[in-house]
Amino acid sequence: MKTIIISLGMLCALAVVAHGQDATKATCKLDSKSGSQVTGTVTFTKSGDDVQVVADITGLKPGKHGFHIHEKGDCSAPDAASAGAHFNPTHGHHGGPMTADRHEGDLGNLEADASGKAHLDWKGKMSLSGADSIIGKSVVVHEKEDDLKTDPSGNSGARIACGAIEAAK
């Protein structure tokens, strides 16, 4: 009995230590939603006090598309509605990635070229650990351009790709 109690105590201590470690990288694999052919990958890498976001997306219509972090890591619905609203722990208004008052999940727009490919490389304030961590949330690509001002989602239309954000191993 004593061995079981000690073993359980050690397991709990290991779980606390593992949970307390700060993640330095997270990844997201985007899957098609709402009948689109959009797929891609997004990586989040801690860089000093900022996080660098690198996205490579294919299957888009040429032009701009809203690009956001949503509050739930659930992309199971065919239209990605299961991902919930924009990640907004500070209860700000919708904006762009450089707007002072914004949702933490407001990453602005991706711009697809004539072949439907988009690449984004952005660095800004977000967290990979703690109460406001983006890990466990999702990335959503929208069908239209985000106007960077209209609550709640910038008039960016349907959700055409979605993927959960996971800590990189």
N, C-alpha and C. Protein backbone atom coordinates (compact mmCIF):
# COMPACT_ATOMS: atom_id res chain seq x y z
N MET A 1 0.83 -1.20 0.00
CA MET A 1 0.00 0.00 0.00
C MET A 1 0.87 1.26 0.00
N LYS A 2 1.92 1.23 0.82
CA LYS A 2 2.82 2.38 0.91
C LYS A 2 3.49 2.64 -0.44
N THR A 3 3.86 1.57 -1.16
CA THR A 3 4.49 1.69 -2.47
C THR A 3 3.54 2.34 -3.46
N ILE A 4 2.27 1.98 -3.40
CA ILE A 4 1.26 2.56 -4.31
C ILE A 4 1.12 4.05 -4.04
N ILE A 5 1.05 4.43 -2.79
CA ILE A 5 0.89 5.85 -2.44
C ILE A 5 2.11 6.65 -2.89
N ILE A 6 3.31 6.12 -2.66
CA ILE A 6 4.53 6.81 -3.08
C ILE A 6 4.56 6.92 -4.60
N SER A 7 4.20 5.84 -5.29
CA SER A 7 4.18 5.86 -6.76
C SER A 7 3.20 6.89 -7.29
N LEU A 8 2.01 6.95 -6.70
CA LEU A 8 1.02 7.94 -7.12
C LEU A 8 1.53 9.36 -6.87
N GLY A 9 2.17 9.56 -5.73
CA GLY A 9 2.73 10.87 -5.42
C GLY A 9 3.79 11.29 -6.44
N MET A 10 4.63 10.35 -6.84
CA MET A 10 5.67 10.65 -7.82
C MET A 10 5.06 10.96 -9.18
N LEU A 11 4.03 10.20 -9.56
CA LEU A 11 3.35 10.47 -10.83
C LEU A 11 2.72 11.86 -10.83
N CYS A 12 2.10 12.23 -9.73
CA CYS A 12 1.50 13.57 -9.63
C CYS A 12 2.57 14.65 -9.74
N ALA A 13 3.70 14.44 -9.07
CA ALA A 13 4.78 15.42 -9.14
C ALA A 13 5.31 15.56 -10.56
N LEU A 14 5.48 14.43 -11.26
CA LEU A 14 5.93 14.48 -12.65
C LEU A 14 4.92 15.20 -13.54
N ALA A 15 3.64 14.97 -13.30
CA ALA A 15 2.60 15.64 -14.09
C ALA A 15 2.65 17.14 -13.88
N VAL A 16 2.87 17.58 -12.64
CA VAL A 16 2.95 19.01 -12.35
C VAL A 16 4.16 19.62 -13.06
N VAL A 17 5.30 18.94 -13.00
CA VAL A 17 6.51 19.44 -13.65
C VAL A 17 6.30 19.51 -15.16
N ALA A 18 5.76 18.46 -15.76
CA ALA A 18 5.53 18.44 -17.21
C ALA A 18 4.54 19.53 -17.62
N HIS A 19 3.49 19.72 -16.82
CA HIS A 19 2.49 20.73 -17.14
C HIS A 19 3.06 22.14 -17.00
N GLY A 20 3.98 22.32 -16.07
CA GLY A 20 4.53 23.65 -15.81
C GLY A 20 5.58 24.09 -16.82
N GLN A 21 6.09 23.17 -17.65
CA GLN A 21 7.10 23.56 -18.61
C GLN A 21 6.49 24.43 -19.70
N ASP A 22 7.23 25.44 -20.08
CA ASP A 22 6.76 26.33 -21.14
C ASP A 22 7.03 25.71 -22.50
N ALA A 23 6.02 25.68 -23.34
CA ALA A 23 6.20 25.22 -24.71
C ALA A 23 6.94 26.30 -25.49
N THR A 24 7.78 25.90 -26.41
CA THR A 24 8.50 26.86 -27.24
C THR A 24 8.05 26.78 -28.70
N LYS A 25 7.27 25.74 -29.02
CA LYS A 25 6.81 25.59 -30.40
C LYS A 25 5.48 24.84 -30.42
N ALA A 26 4.62 25.24 -31.36
CA ALA A 26 3.34 24.56 -31.56
C ALA A 26 3.09 24.46 -33.05
N THR A 27 2.28 23.49 -33.43
CA THR A 27 1.96 23.29 -34.85
C THR A 27 0.47 23.10 -35.04
N CYS A 28 0.05 23.29 -36.28
CA CYS A 28 -1.35 23.15 -36.64
C CYS A 28 -1.43 22.64 -38.08
N LYS A 29 -2.18 21.58 -38.29
CA LYS A 29 -2.43 21.06 -39.63
C LYS A 29 -3.86 21.45 -40.01
N LEU A 30 -3.99 22.24 -41.07
CA LEU A 30 -5.30 22.72 -41.50
C LEU A 30 -5.96 21.72 -42.45
N ASP A 31 -7.22 21.42 -42.18
CA ASP A 31 -8.02 20.56 -43.05
C ASP A 31 -9.14 21.37 -43.68
N SER A 32 -9.57 20.94 -44.85
CA SER A 32 -10.64 21.61 -45.61
C SER A 32 -11.96 21.58 -44.84
N LYS A 33 -12.72 22.66 -44.96
CA LYS A 33 -14.05 22.78 -44.36
C LYS A 33 -14.97 23.49 -45.35
N SER A 34 -16.26 23.39 -45.12
CA SER A 34 -17.30 24.07 -45.92
C SER A 34 -17.17 23.77 -47.41
N GLY A 35 -16.76 22.54 -47.76
CA GLY A 35 -16.68 22.14 -49.16
C GLY A 35 -15.48 22.68 -49.91
N SER A 36 -14.51 23.26 -49.21
CA SER A 36 -13.34 23.83 -49.89
C SER A 36 -12.28 22.74 -50.13
N GLN A 37 -11.21 23.13 -50.77
CA GLN A 37 -10.04 22.27 -50.97
C GLN A 37 -8.82 22.85 -50.26
N VAL A 38 -9.05 23.72 -49.27
CA VAL A 38 -7.98 24.44 -48.58
C VAL A 38 -7.32 23.54 -47.53
N THR A 39 -5.98 23.47 -47.58
CA THR A 39 -5.21 22.74 -46.58
C THR A 39 -3.94 23.54 -46.29
N GLY A 40 -3.23 23.14 -45.25
CA GLY A 40 -1.97 23.82 -44.97
C GLY A 40 -1.42 23.50 -43.61
N THR A 41 -0.34 24.19 -43.27
CA THR A 41 0.29 24.04 -41.97
C THR A 41 0.60 25.41 -41.39
N VAL A 42 0.59 25.48 -40.08
CA VAL A 42 0.95 26.71 -39.37
C VAL A 42 1.86 26.30 -38.22
N THR A 43 2.98 27.02 -38.06
CA THR A 43 3.85 26.78 -36.91
C THR A 43 3.94 28.06 -36.08
N PHE A 44 4.04 27.86 -34.79
CA PHE A 44 4.17 28.95 -33.83
C PHE A 44 5.45 28.68 -33.04
N THR A 45 6.40 29.61 -33.09
CA THR A 45 7.69 29.41 -32.43
C THR A 45 8.00 30.60 -31.53
N LYS A 46 8.25 30.32 -30.26
CA LYS A 46 8.60 31.39 -29.33
C LYS A 46 9.93 32.00 -29.75
N SER A 47 9.95 33.33 -29.81
CA SER A 47 11.14 34.08 -30.22
C SER A 47 11.26 35.28 -29.30
N GLY A 48 12.03 35.15 -28.23
CA GLY A 48 12.11 36.21 -27.23
C GLY A 48 10.76 36.37 -26.54
N ASP A 49 10.24 37.59 -26.52
CA ASP A 49 8.93 37.85 -25.91
C ASP A 49 7.78 37.65 -26.90
N ASP A 50 8.11 37.39 -28.15
CA ASP A 50 7.10 37.24 -29.20
C ASP A 50 6.97 35.78 -29.63
N VAL A 51 5.99 35.55 -30.49
CA VAL A 51 5.82 34.25 -31.14
C VAL A 51 5.82 34.50 -32.64
N GLN A 52 6.64 33.75 -33.35
CA GLN A 52 6.68 33.84 -34.81
C GLN A 52 5.68 32.84 -35.38
N VAL A 53 4.82 33.33 -36.27
CA VAL A 53 3.80 32.51 -36.91
C VAL A 53 4.18 32.36 -38.38
N VAL A 54 4.32 31.12 -38.83
CA VAL A 54 4.62 30.84 -40.23
C VAL A 54 3.53 29.92 -40.75
N ALA A 55 2.84 30.38 -41.81
CA ALA A 55 1.74 29.60 -42.40
C ALA A 55 1.99 29.39 -43.89
N ASP A 56 1.70 28.19 -44.35
CA ASP A 56 1.73 27.86 -45.77
C ASP A 56 0.42 27.16 -46.09
N ILE A 57 -0.39 27.81 -46.92
CA ILE A 57 -1.75 27.35 -47.21
C ILE A 57 -1.91 27.18 -48.73
N THR A 58 -2.63 26.15 -49.15
CA THR A 58 -2.92 25.94 -50.57
C THR A 58 -4.42 25.73 -50.76
N GLY A 59 -4.85 25.84 -52.02
CA GLY A 59 -6.25 25.60 -52.37
C GLY A 59 -7.16 26.80 -52.19
N LEU A 60 -6.59 27.97 -51.97
CA LEU A 60 -7.37 29.19 -51.78
C LEU A 60 -7.74 29.83 -53.12
N LYS A 61 -8.80 30.61 -53.12
CA LYS A 61 -9.08 31.48 -54.26
C LYS A 61 -8.10 32.65 -54.16
N PRO A 62 -7.59 33.16 -55.29
CA PRO A 62 -6.67 34.29 -55.23
C PRO A 62 -7.28 35.48 -54.47
N GLY A 63 -6.46 36.15 -53.68
CA GLY A 63 -6.91 37.30 -52.90
C GLY A 63 -6.72 37.08 -51.42
N LYS A 64 -7.33 37.97 -50.63
CA LYS A 64 -7.15 37.95 -49.18
C LYS A 64 -8.21 37.10 -48.49
N HIS A 65 -7.77 36.48 -47.37
CA HIS A 65 -8.63 35.60 -46.58
C HIS A 65 -8.36 35.84 -45.10
N GLY A 66 -9.43 36.01 -44.31
CA GLY A 66 -9.28 36.17 -42.87
C GLY A 66 -8.57 34.97 -42.27
N PHE A 67 -7.73 35.24 -41.28
CA PHE A 67 -6.87 34.23 -40.66
C PHE A 67 -6.88 34.47 -39.16
N HIS A 68 -7.48 33.53 -38.40
CA HIS A 68 -7.71 33.78 -36.98
C HIS A 68 -7.43 32.55 -36.12
N ILE A 69 -7.15 32.81 -34.85
CA ILE A 69 -7.12 31.76 -33.83
C ILE A 69 -8.50 31.78 -33.18
N HIS A 70 -9.12 30.61 -33.08
CA HIS A 70 -10.43 30.48 -32.46
C HIS A 70 -10.31 29.80 -31.10
N GLU A 71 -11.34 29.98 -30.26
CA GLU A 71 -11.27 29.62 -28.85
C GLU A 71 -11.26 28.13 -28.53
N LYS A 72 -11.69 27.28 -29.44
CA LYS A 72 -11.74 25.85 -29.18
C LYS A 72 -10.89 25.10 -30.20
N GLY A 73 -10.26 24.03 -29.76
CA GLY A 73 -9.46 23.20 -30.64
C GLY A 73 -10.28 22.10 -31.30
N ASP A 74 -11.55 22.35 -31.52
CA ASP A 74 -12.47 21.36 -32.09
C ASP A 74 -12.87 21.78 -33.50
N CYS A 75 -12.40 21.05 -34.49
CA CYS A 75 -12.71 21.35 -35.89
C CYS A 75 -13.61 20.26 -36.48
N SER A 76 -14.37 19.57 -35.64
CA SER A 76 -15.14 18.42 -36.10
C SER A 76 -16.35 18.77 -36.97
N ALA A 77 -16.92 19.95 -36.83
CA ALA A 77 -18.10 20.32 -37.63
C ALA A 77 -17.69 20.57 -39.09
N PRO A 78 -18.53 20.17 -40.05
CA PRO A 78 -18.21 20.36 -41.47
C PRO A 78 -17.93 21.82 -41.84
N ASP A 79 -18.52 22.76 -41.09
CA ASP A 79 -18.31 24.19 -41.35
C ASP A 79 -17.39 24.84 -40.31
N ALA A 80 -16.76 24.02 -39.48
CA ALA A 80 -15.83 24.46 -38.43
C ALA A 80 -16.47 25.34 -37.36
N ALA A 81 -17.80 25.33 -37.28
CA ALA A 81 -18.48 26.10 -36.23
C ALA A 81 -18.08 25.60 -34.84
N SER A 82 -17.67 24.35 -34.74
CA SER A 82 -17.25 23.75 -33.46
C SER A 82 -16.00 24.42 -32.89
N ALA A 83 -15.29 25.21 -33.68
CA ALA A 83 -14.09 25.92 -33.21
C ALA A 83 -14.45 27.14 -32.35
N GLY A 84 -15.73 27.50 -32.31
CA GLY A 84 -16.15 28.62 -31.49
C GLY A 84 -15.78 29.97 -32.09
N ALA A 85 -15.80 30.98 -31.24
CA ALA A 85 -15.50 32.36 -31.65
C ALA A 85 -14.00 32.60 -31.65
N HIS A 86 -13.61 33.81 -32.03
CA HIS A 86 -12.19 34.17 -31.98
C HIS A 86 -11.68 34.05 -30.55
N PHE A 87 -10.42 33.63 -30.41
CA PHE A 87 -9.77 33.58 -29.11
C PHE A 87 -9.62 35.02 -28.63
N ASN A 88 -10.24 35.33 -27.48
CA ASN A 88 -10.33 36.72 -27.04
C ASN A 88 -10.30 36.81 -25.51
N PRO A 89 -9.19 36.36 -24.88
CA PRO A 89 -9.16 36.34 -23.41
C PRO A 89 -9.21 37.72 -22.76
N THR A 90 -8.87 38.79 -23.50
CA THR A 90 -8.89 40.14 -22.93
C THR A 90 -10.19 40.88 -23.24
N HIS A 91 -11.11 40.23 -23.94
CA HIS A 91 -12.42 40.81 -24.28
C HIS A 91 -12.30 42.10 -25.09
N GLY A 92 -11.35 42.12 -26.03
CA GLY A 92 -11.17 43.28 -26.90
C GLY A 92 -12.15 43.27 -28.06
N HIS A 93 -12.08 44.31 -28.87
CA HIS A 93 -12.89 44.40 -30.09
C HIS A 93 -12.09 43.77 -31.22
N HIS A 94 -12.79 43.40 -32.28
CA HIS A 94 -12.11 42.82 -33.43
C HIS A 94 -11.21 43.86 -34.08
N GLY A 95 -10.03 43.40 -34.52
CA GLY A 95 -9.08 44.30 -35.17
C GLY A 95 -8.09 43.51 -36.00
N GLY A 96 -7.00 44.14 -36.32
CA GLY A 96 -5.94 43.49 -37.08
C GLY A 96 -4.79 43.12 -36.16
N PRO A 97 -3.78 42.44 -36.70
CA PRO A 97 -2.67 41.99 -35.87
C PRO A 97 -1.85 43.13 -35.25
N MET A 98 -1.93 44.32 -35.81
CA MET A 98 -1.17 45.45 -35.28
C MET A 98 -2.06 46.47 -34.57
N THR A 99 -3.35 46.18 -34.44
CA THR A 99 -4.29 47.08 -33.78
C THR A 99 -4.13 46.97 -32.26
N ALA A 100 -4.16 48.10 -31.56
CA ALA A 100 -4.00 48.10 -30.10
C ALA A 100 -5.14 47.32 -29.43
N ASP A 101 -6.38 47.56 -29.82
CA ASP A 101 -7.54 46.87 -29.27
C ASP A 101 -7.95 45.79 -30.27
N ARG A 102 -7.72 44.55 -29.90
CA ARG A 102 -8.02 43.44 -30.80
C ARG A 102 -8.24 42.16 -30.01
N HIS A 103 -8.79 41.17 -30.67
CA HIS A 103 -8.83 39.83 -30.10
C HIS A 103 -7.42 39.26 -30.19
N GLU A 104 -7.01 38.47 -29.23
CA GLU A 104 -5.69 37.86 -29.31
C GLU A 104 -5.59 36.98 -30.56
N GLY A 105 -6.71 36.44 -31.01
CA GLY A 105 -6.72 35.58 -32.18
C GLY A 105 -6.79 36.29 -33.52
N ASP A 106 -6.80 37.61 -33.54
CA ASP A 106 -6.88 38.37 -34.79
C ASP A 106 -5.51 38.42 -35.46
N LEU A 107 -5.32 37.60 -36.50
CA LEU A 107 -4.05 37.57 -37.21
C LEU A 107 -4.13 38.23 -38.57
N GLY A 108 -5.25 38.88 -38.88
CA GLY A 108 -5.36 39.63 -40.13
C GLY A 108 -5.75 38.77 -41.31
N ASN A 109 -5.04 38.95 -42.42
CA ASN A 109 -5.36 38.27 -43.67
C ASN A 109 -4.15 37.53 -44.23
N LEU A 110 -4.46 36.42 -44.89
CA LEU A 110 -3.49 35.74 -45.75
C LEU A 110 -3.77 36.25 -47.15
N GLU A 111 -2.78 36.34 -48.01
CA GLU A 111 -3.04 36.72 -49.40
C GLU A 111 -2.57 35.61 -50.33
N ALA A 112 -3.55 35.01 -51.02
CA ALA A 112 -3.25 33.92 -51.94
C ALA A 112 -2.88 34.46 -53.31
N ASP A 113 -1.87 33.85 -53.92
CA ASP A 113 -1.46 34.23 -55.28
C ASP A 113 -2.39 33.60 -56.32
N ALA A 114 -2.08 33.78 -57.58
CA ALA A 114 -2.92 33.28 -58.68
C ALA A 114 -3.07 31.76 -58.66
N SER A 115 -2.10 31.05 -58.05
CA SER A 115 -2.19 29.59 -57.98
C SER A 115 -2.89 29.11 -56.70
N GLY A 116 -3.36 30.04 -55.86
CA GLY A 116 -4.09 29.67 -54.64
C GLY A 116 -3.22 29.38 -53.44
N LYS A 117 -1.94 29.77 -53.51
CA LYS A 117 -1.03 29.54 -52.40
C LYS A 117 -0.82 30.84 -51.61
N ALA A 118 -0.75 30.68 -50.29
CA ALA A 118 -0.50 31.82 -49.42
C ALA A 118 0.61 31.46 -48.44
N HIS A 119 1.48 32.42 -48.17
CA HIS A 119 2.53 32.26 -47.17
C HIS A 119 2.47 33.46 -46.24
N LEU A 120 2.53 33.20 -44.95
CA LEU A 120 2.53 34.26 -43.96
C LEU A 120 3.70 34.04 -43.01
N ASP A 121 4.42 35.09 -42.71
CA ASP A 121 5.49 35.05 -41.71
C ASP A 121 5.31 36.31 -40.88
N TRP A 122 4.80 36.15 -39.65
CA TRP A 122 4.44 37.28 -38.79
C TRP A 122 4.96 37.00 -37.39
N LYS A 123 5.36 38.04 -36.69
CA LYS A 123 5.82 37.90 -35.32
C LYS A 123 5.05 38.89 -34.46
N GLY A 124 4.54 38.41 -33.32
CA GLY A 124 3.79 39.29 -32.44
C GLY A 124 3.55 38.67 -31.08
N LYS A 125 2.75 39.36 -30.28
CA LYS A 125 2.48 38.95 -28.91
C LYS A 125 1.39 37.89 -28.86
N MET A 126 1.73 36.74 -28.31
CA MET A 126 0.78 35.69 -27.97
C MET A 126 1.52 34.72 -27.06
N SER A 127 0.80 33.81 -26.44
CA SER A 127 1.42 32.93 -25.46
C SER A 127 1.29 31.46 -25.84
N LEU A 128 2.35 30.71 -25.59
CA LEU A 128 2.34 29.27 -25.79
C LEU A 128 2.22 28.52 -24.46
N SER A 129 1.98 29.26 -23.37
CA SER A 129 1.81 28.64 -22.06
C SER A 129 0.94 29.53 -21.19
N GLY A 130 0.47 28.96 -20.10
CA GLY A 130 -0.33 29.71 -19.15
C GLY A 130 -1.79 29.83 -19.54
N ALA A 131 -2.49 30.69 -18.81
CA ALA A 131 -3.94 30.83 -18.98
C ALA A 131 -4.34 31.33 -20.36
N ASP A 132 -3.51 32.13 -21.01
CA ASP A 132 -3.83 32.68 -22.32
C ASP A 132 -3.12 31.96 -23.47
N SER A 133 -2.71 30.72 -23.21
CA SER A 133 -2.00 29.94 -24.23
C SER A 133 -2.89 29.66 -25.44
N ILE A 134 -2.29 29.70 -26.62
CA ILE A 134 -3.03 29.35 -27.85
C ILE A 134 -3.05 27.84 -28.08
N ILE A 135 -2.23 27.10 -27.34
CA ILE A 135 -2.23 25.64 -27.47
C ILE A 135 -3.57 25.10 -26.99
N GLY A 136 -4.17 24.24 -27.80
CA GLY A 136 -5.50 23.72 -27.51
C GLY A 136 -6.60 24.52 -28.19
N LYS A 137 -6.22 25.62 -28.83
CA LYS A 137 -7.17 26.41 -29.61
C LYS A 137 -7.10 25.93 -31.06
N SER A 138 -7.67 26.67 -32.00
CA SER A 138 -7.60 26.28 -33.41
C SER A 138 -7.28 27.47 -34.29
N VAL A 139 -6.79 27.17 -35.49
CA VAL A 139 -6.58 28.18 -36.52
C VAL A 139 -7.69 27.98 -37.55
N VAL A 140 -8.29 29.09 -37.98
CA VAL A 140 -9.34 29.06 -39.01
C VAL A 140 -8.97 30.02 -40.13
N VAL A 141 -9.13 29.54 -41.36
CA VAL A 141 -8.99 30.38 -42.55
C VAL A 141 -10.40 30.61 -43.07
N HIS A 142 -10.70 31.88 -43.43
CA HIS A 142 -12.03 32.25 -43.89
C HIS A 142 -12.05 32.48 -45.40
N GLU A 143 -13.25 32.44 -45.98
CA GLU A 143 -13.39 32.56 -47.44
C GLU A 143 -13.15 33.97 -47.96
N LYS A 144 -13.37 34.99 -47.13
CA LYS A 144 -13.27 36.38 -47.59
C LYS A 144 -12.22 37.15 -46.81
N GLU A 145 -11.93 38.35 -47.29
CA GLU A 145 -11.00 39.25 -46.63
C GLU A 145 -11.59 39.73 -45.31
N ASP A 146 -10.76 39.78 -44.28
CA ASP A 146 -11.12 40.36 -42.99
C ASP A 146 -11.00 41.88 -43.10
N ASP A 147 -12.07 42.60 -42.73
CA ASP A 147 -12.03 44.07 -42.82
C ASP A 147 -11.29 44.70 -41.63
N LEU A 148 -10.85 43.88 -40.69
CA LEU A 148 -10.04 44.28 -39.53
C LEU A 148 -10.75 45.23 -38.57
N LYS A 149 -12.09 45.27 -38.62
CA LYS A 149 -12.79 46.17 -37.69
C LYS A 149 -14.15 45.66 -37.24
N THR A 150 -14.89 44.95 -38.07
CA THR A 150 -16.25 44.57 -37.72
C THR A 150 -16.29 43.40 -36.75
N ASP A 151 -16.94 43.61 -35.58
CA ASP A 151 -17.13 42.52 -34.62
C ASP A 151 -18.22 41.59 -35.13
N PRO A 152 -18.12 40.28 -34.93
CA PRO A 152 -17.03 39.63 -34.19
C PRO A 152 -15.91 39.08 -35.08
N SER A 153 -16.09 39.01 -36.40
CA SER A 153 -15.09 38.30 -37.21
C SER A 153 -14.64 39.04 -38.46
N GLY A 154 -14.86 40.33 -38.54
CA GLY A 154 -14.36 41.12 -39.66
C GLY A 154 -15.05 40.87 -40.98
N ASN A 155 -16.31 40.38 -40.93
CA ASN A 155 -17.06 40.10 -42.17
C ASN A 155 -16.29 39.18 -43.11
N SER A 156 -15.59 38.20 -42.55
CA SER A 156 -14.70 37.37 -43.36
C SER A 156 -15.34 36.10 -43.91
N GLY A 157 -16.62 35.91 -43.69
CA GLY A 157 -17.34 34.81 -44.33
C GLY A 157 -17.11 33.44 -43.73
N ALA A 158 -17.42 32.43 -44.54
CA ALA A 158 -17.38 31.03 -44.11
C ALA A 158 -15.98 30.60 -43.68
N ARG A 159 -15.96 29.59 -42.85
CA ARG A 159 -14.71 28.98 -42.39
C ARG A 159 -14.34 27.88 -43.38
N ILE A 160 -13.24 28.06 -44.12
CA ILE A 160 -12.92 27.12 -45.20
C ILE A 160 -11.76 26.17 -44.87
N ALA A 161 -11.10 26.38 -43.73
CA ALA A 161 -10.09 25.45 -43.24
C ALA A 161 -9.96 25.62 -41.74
N CYS A 162 -9.63 24.52 -41.06
CA CYS A 162 -9.53 24.56 -39.60
C CYS A 162 -8.56 23.48 -39.14
N GLY A 163 -7.82 23.79 -38.08
CA GLY A 163 -6.93 22.81 -37.47
C GLY A 163 -6.63 23.17 -36.04
N ALA A 164 -6.48 22.15 -35.19
CA ALA A 164 -6.17 22.36 -33.77
C ALA A 164 -4.68 22.68 -33.61
N ILE A 165 -4.38 23.56 -32.66
CA ILE A 165 -3.01 23.93 -32.34
C ILE A 165 -2.52 23.00 -31.23
N GLU A 166 -1.40 22.32 -31.51
CA GLU A 166 -0.84 21.36 -30.57
C GLU A 166 0.62 21.71 -30.26
N ALA A 167 1.03 21.44 -29.03
CA ALA A 167 2.43 21.64 -28.66
C ALA A 167 3.28 20.71 -29.52
N ALA A 168 4.37 21.24 -30.04
CA ALA A 168 5.28 20.43 -30.86
C ALA A 168 6.08 19.51 -29.95
N LYS A 169 6.35 18.33 -30.45
CA LYS A 169 7.08 17.34 -29.64
C LYS A 169 8.55 17.38 -29.94
